[in-house]
Amino acid sequence: MSEFRLIAIAFGGILGLSTVEVAAQAGDIAYCIGYANAAVNHSQVARAFDGCQHFIRDLPARWSLNYIDHFRACLPRFGSGRTALEEQARIADLTECIRGQ
């Protein structure tokens, strides 16, 4: 096999891996955009109910209105299941405090 062909195959493999990595990062970003939007929406709803105020006070990061903070917290955790657990906890807290009204 010629040296040129070996280089072309190697370069193609590198490009292929790069494409996979970029696609994975795009998935991370898309998921984290949705995660951050949901977190801010849940935080806004929680502020409308007196029964939710203790959650906001006791867990300020979970109930932050700062989209960027939620987004940045999501990125390194994507795929670990930790973001899903956090979202489930936020929904459970919100459900509890709304029902208590």
Foldseek 3Di string as FASTA:
>chain_A
DDPVVVVVVVVVVVVVVVVVVVVVLVVQQVVLLVLLVLQLVLLVLLVVFPLSVVVCVVPVLSNDNDSVSSSVVRNVCPPVCVSVVSSVVSVVSSVVSVVVD
